[in-house]
N, C-alpha and C. Protein backbone atom coordinates (compact mmCIF):
# COMPACT_ATOMS: atom_id res chain seq x y z
N MET A 1 71.44 96.53 94.44
CA MET A 1 70.62 97.18 94.84
C MET A 1 70.02 95.88 96.06
N ALA A 2 69.53 96.48 97.56
CA ALA A 2 69.00 95.52 98.28
C ALA A 2 67.74 95.19 97.82
N ARG A 3 67.55 94.05 98.31
CA ARG A 3 65.82 93.35 98.42
C ARG A 3 64.93 94.54 99.46
N ILE A 4 65.66 94.96 100.54
CA ILE A 4 64.83 95.69 101.59
C ILE A 4 65.50 97.34 101.04
N GLN A 5 64.47 98.32 101.15
CA GLN A 5 64.98 99.58 101.16
C GLN A 5 65.22 100.45 102.26
N GLY A 6 66.28 100.84 102.28
CA GLY A 6 67.03 101.64 103.71
C GLY A 6 66.05 102.60 104.15
N VAL A 7 66.49 103.06 105.47
CA VAL A 7 65.69 103.72 106.27
C VAL A 7 65.57 105.31 105.21
N PRO A 8 64.09 105.50 105.26
CA PRO A 8 63.98 106.94 104.57
C PRO A 8 64.70 108.06 105.10
N PRO A 9 65.33 109.39 104.77
CA PRO A 9 65.98 110.22 105.73
C PRO A 9 65.28 110.76 106.75
N GLY A 10 63.52 110.88 106.41
CA GLY A 10 62.86 111.52 107.27
C GLY A 10 62.45 110.88 108.80
N LYS A 11 62.56 109.14 108.50
CA LYS A 11 62.15 108.50 109.19
C LYS A 11 63.69 107.88 110.27
N GLN A 12 64.68 108.35 110.19
CA GLN A 12 65.81 108.13 110.78
C GLN A 12 65.73 108.51 112.40
N GLY A 13 66.51 107.84 113.44
CA GLY A 13 66.38 108.43 114.52
C GLY A 13 67.67 109.22 114.78
N LEU A 14 68.46 109.59 116.25
CA LEU A 14 69.14 110.28 116.03
C LEU A 14 70.42 109.69 116.44
N LEU A 15 70.36 108.41 116.55
CA LEU A 15 71.87 107.35 116.35
C LEU A 15 72.04 107.46 114.88
N ALA A 16 71.08 107.04 114.06
CA ALA A 16 71.10 106.61 112.65
C ALA A 16 71.80 108.23 112.29
N ARG A 17 71.13 109.14 112.27
CA ARG A 17 71.39 110.45 111.84
C ARG A 17 73.22 110.94 111.96
N THR A 18 73.43 110.51 113.20
CA THR A 18 74.71 110.60 113.88
C THR A 18 75.54 110.01 113.01
N ILE A 19 75.29 108.55 112.93
CA ILE A 19 76.21 107.71 112.23
C ILE A 19 76.13 107.53 110.88
N PHE A 20 75.43 108.13 109.75
CA PHE A 20 75.39 108.26 108.74
C PHE A 20 76.00 109.52 108.32
N GLY A 21 75.91 110.64 109.28
CA GLY A 21 76.57 111.82 108.97
C GLY A 21 78.51 111.41 109.18
N MET A 22 78.79 110.92 109.99
CA MET A 22 80.19 110.23 110.09
C MET A 22 80.39 109.33 109.18
N ALA A 23 79.49 108.34 108.23
CA ALA A 23 79.63 107.81 107.49
C ALA A 23 79.96 108.23 105.78
N ARG A 24 78.90 109.30 105.93
CA ARG A 24 79.02 110.47 105.07
C ARG A 24 80.59 111.07 104.87
N LYS A 25 80.52 111.42 105.46
CA LYS A 25 82.44 112.31 105.84
C LYS A 25 83.72 111.44 105.65
N ARG A 26 83.69 110.20 105.83
CA ARG A 26 84.56 109.63 105.94
C ARG A 26 84.51 108.37 104.51
N LEU A 27 83.35 108.38 103.95
CA LEU A 27 83.08 107.79 102.71
C LEU A 27 82.62 108.41 101.51
N GLY A 28 82.34 109.49 101.86
CA GLY A 28 81.62 110.34 100.72
C GLY A 28 80.23 110.02 100.53
N GLN A 29 79.52 108.36 101.06
CA GLN A 29 78.08 108.40 100.75
C GLN A 29 77.70 107.17 102.22
N VAL A 30 76.69 107.06 102.20
CA VAL A 30 76.16 105.92 103.43
C VAL A 30 76.23 104.65 102.65
N PRO A 31 76.59 103.57 103.37
CA PRO A 31 76.85 102.29 102.45
C PRO A 31 75.51 101.71 102.59
N GLU A 32 75.11 101.20 101.61
CA GLU A 32 73.73 100.67 101.82
C GLU A 32 73.41 99.81 103.06
N PRO A 33 74.41 98.37 103.41
CA PRO A 33 73.56 97.80 104.36
C PRO A 33 73.82 98.43 105.66
N MET A 34 74.35 99.51 105.61
CA MET A 34 74.26 100.93 107.30
C MET A 34 72.84 101.26 106.90
N THR A 35 71.94 101.54 106.00
CA THR A 35 70.91 102.19 106.16
C THR A 35 69.79 100.93 106.16
N VAL A 36 69.67 99.57 105.69
CA VAL A 36 69.28 98.54 105.96
C VAL A 36 68.89 98.30 107.05
N THR A 37 70.16 98.41 107.77
CA THR A 37 70.33 97.86 109.06
C THR A 37 69.55 98.78 110.42
N ALA A 38 69.52 100.09 109.88
CA ALA A 38 68.99 100.99 110.62
C ALA A 38 67.59 100.59 111.01
N HIS A 39 66.72 99.65 110.45
CA HIS A 39 65.59 99.10 110.49
C HIS A 39 65.19 98.75 111.78
N HIS A 40 66.07 98.18 112.31
CA HIS A 40 66.34 97.27 113.60
C HIS A 40 67.57 97.55 114.63
N ALA A 41 66.94 98.61 115.51
CA ALA A 41 68.16 99.35 116.18
C ALA A 41 68.83 98.46 116.93
N LYS A 42 68.52 97.27 117.49
CA LYS A 42 69.78 96.30 118.01
C LYS A 42 70.70 95.87 117.07
N LEU A 43 70.19 95.68 116.05
CA LEU A 43 71.04 95.32 114.89
C LEU A 43 72.00 96.00 114.71
N PHE A 44 71.39 97.33 114.53
CA PHE A 44 72.00 98.59 113.95
C PHE A 44 73.22 99.03 115.11
N LYS A 45 73.03 98.77 116.16
CA LYS A 45 73.92 99.31 117.39
C LYS A 45 75.11 98.10 117.43
N GLY A 46 74.74 97.15 117.29
CA GLY A 46 75.98 95.89 116.99
C GLY A 46 76.43 96.02 115.81
N TYR A 47 75.78 96.78 114.41
CA TYR A 47 76.73 96.56 113.37
C TYR A 47 77.82 97.70 114.03
N VAL A 48 77.12 98.90 114.48
CA VAL A 48 78.20 100.27 114.59
C VAL A 48 79.22 99.51 115.41
N ALA A 49 78.96 99.09 116.25
CA ALA A 49 79.97 98.87 117.56
C ALA A 49 81.03 98.01 116.96
N MET A 50 80.42 96.66 116.19
CA MET A 50 81.44 95.75 115.24
C MET A 50 82.61 97.13 114.27
N GLU A 51 82.17 98.03 113.52
CA GLU A 51 82.60 98.66 112.60
C GLU A 51 83.69 99.76 113.33
N PHE A 52 83.27 100.09 114.62
CA PHE A 52 84.10 101.04 115.47
C PHE A 52 85.18 100.09 116.07
N ALA A 53 84.75 98.90 116.74
CA ALA A 53 85.91 98.11 117.22
C ALA A 53 86.84 97.78 115.93
N LEU A 54 86.79 97.61 114.81
CA LEU A 54 87.52 97.13 113.77
C LEU A 54 88.52 98.33 113.59
N ASP A 55 88.00 99.79 113.69
CA ASP A 55 88.83 100.90 113.27
C ASP A 55 89.71 100.94 114.49
N LYS A 56 89.33 100.75 115.70
CA LYS A 56 90.40 101.31 116.69
C LYS A 56 90.75 99.97 117.13
N SER A 57 91.00 98.81 116.65
CA SER A 57 91.72 97.58 117.13
C SER A 57 93.09 98.12 116.47
N ARG A 58 94.14 97.69 117.02
CA ARG A 58 95.59 97.54 117.01
C ARG A 58 96.53 96.54 116.75
N LEU A 59 95.60 95.50 116.74
CA LEU A 59 96.58 94.18 116.67
C LEU A 59 97.21 93.87 115.14
N VAL A 60 96.53 94.73 113.99
CA VAL A 60 97.08 94.40 112.74
C VAL A 60 97.08 96.09 112.52
N ASP A 61 98.20 95.99 111.41
CA ASP A 61 98.88 97.42 110.94
C ASP A 61 97.69 97.63 110.10
N ALA A 62 97.11 99.29 110.41
CA ALA A 62 96.00 99.48 109.50
C ALA A 62 96.12 99.44 108.08
N ARG A 63 97.08 99.60 107.39
CA ARG A 63 97.56 99.03 105.81
C ARG A 63 97.28 97.93 105.66
N LEU A 64 97.33 97.04 106.41
CA LEU A 64 96.99 95.62 105.99
C LEU A 64 95.56 95.25 106.00
N LYS A 65 94.78 96.06 107.55
CA LYS A 65 93.49 95.67 107.55
C LYS A 65 92.82 96.36 106.10
N LEU A 66 93.34 97.93 105.32
CA LEU A 66 92.94 98.47 104.26
C LEU A 66 92.94 97.56 103.14
N LEU A 67 94.06 96.35 103.14
CA LEU A 67 94.51 95.93 101.72
C LEU A 67 93.54 94.70 102.13
N ALA A 68 93.44 94.38 103.43
CA ALA A 68 92.24 93.14 103.53
C ALA A 68 90.73 93.39 102.96
N GLU A 69 90.67 94.97 103.46
CA GLU A 69 88.98 95.16 103.04
C GLU A 69 89.07 95.27 101.68
N ILE A 70 89.76 95.78 100.71
CA ILE A 70 89.80 96.17 99.58
C ILE A 70 89.65 94.80 98.89
N LYS A 71 90.31 93.81 99.35
CA LYS A 71 90.52 92.44 98.54
C LYS A 71 89.13 91.99 98.75
N VAL A 72 88.40 91.90 100.06
CA VAL A 72 87.18 91.41 100.49
C VAL A 72 86.21 91.90 99.38
N SER A 73 86.33 93.07 99.21
CA SER A 73 85.45 93.99 98.71
C SER A 73 85.29 93.68 97.01
N THR A 74 86.66 93.64 96.45
CA THR A 74 86.69 92.86 95.06
C THR A 74 86.01 91.52 95.03
N LEU A 75 86.54 90.49 95.95
CA LEU A 75 85.80 89.26 95.85
C LEU A 75 84.17 89.49 95.67
N ILE A 76 83.90 90.21 96.51
CA ILE A 76 82.26 90.33 96.73
C ILE A 76 81.76 91.40 95.67
N GLY A 77 82.42 92.18 95.37
CA GLY A 77 81.61 92.79 93.97
C GLY A 77 80.98 94.06 94.61
N CYS A 78 81.57 94.38 96.02
CA CYS A 78 81.38 95.71 96.49
C CYS A 78 82.11 97.33 96.13
N PRO A 79 81.12 98.00 96.01
CA PRO A 79 81.79 99.36 95.35
C PRO A 79 82.67 99.96 96.37
N PHE A 80 82.36 99.55 97.49
CA PHE A 80 83.51 100.47 98.89
C PHE A 80 84.51 99.72 98.97
């Protein structure tokens, strides 16, 4: 659990609602870091741009990216 509460559903902007919907569709739920960074618009846009760029990059095989993601998640104890 984060020390900072995420943005409540009634206070989300249009960008946050759109991105949260995409995350819910892809992951089943919205990751907590995403709801926390949504408090600061510029930081949130940068976070979303980085995630989008990682998804679209083709320098590394998609399977290898997923394996690296799983390994990092297990190392830091993240449920995603």
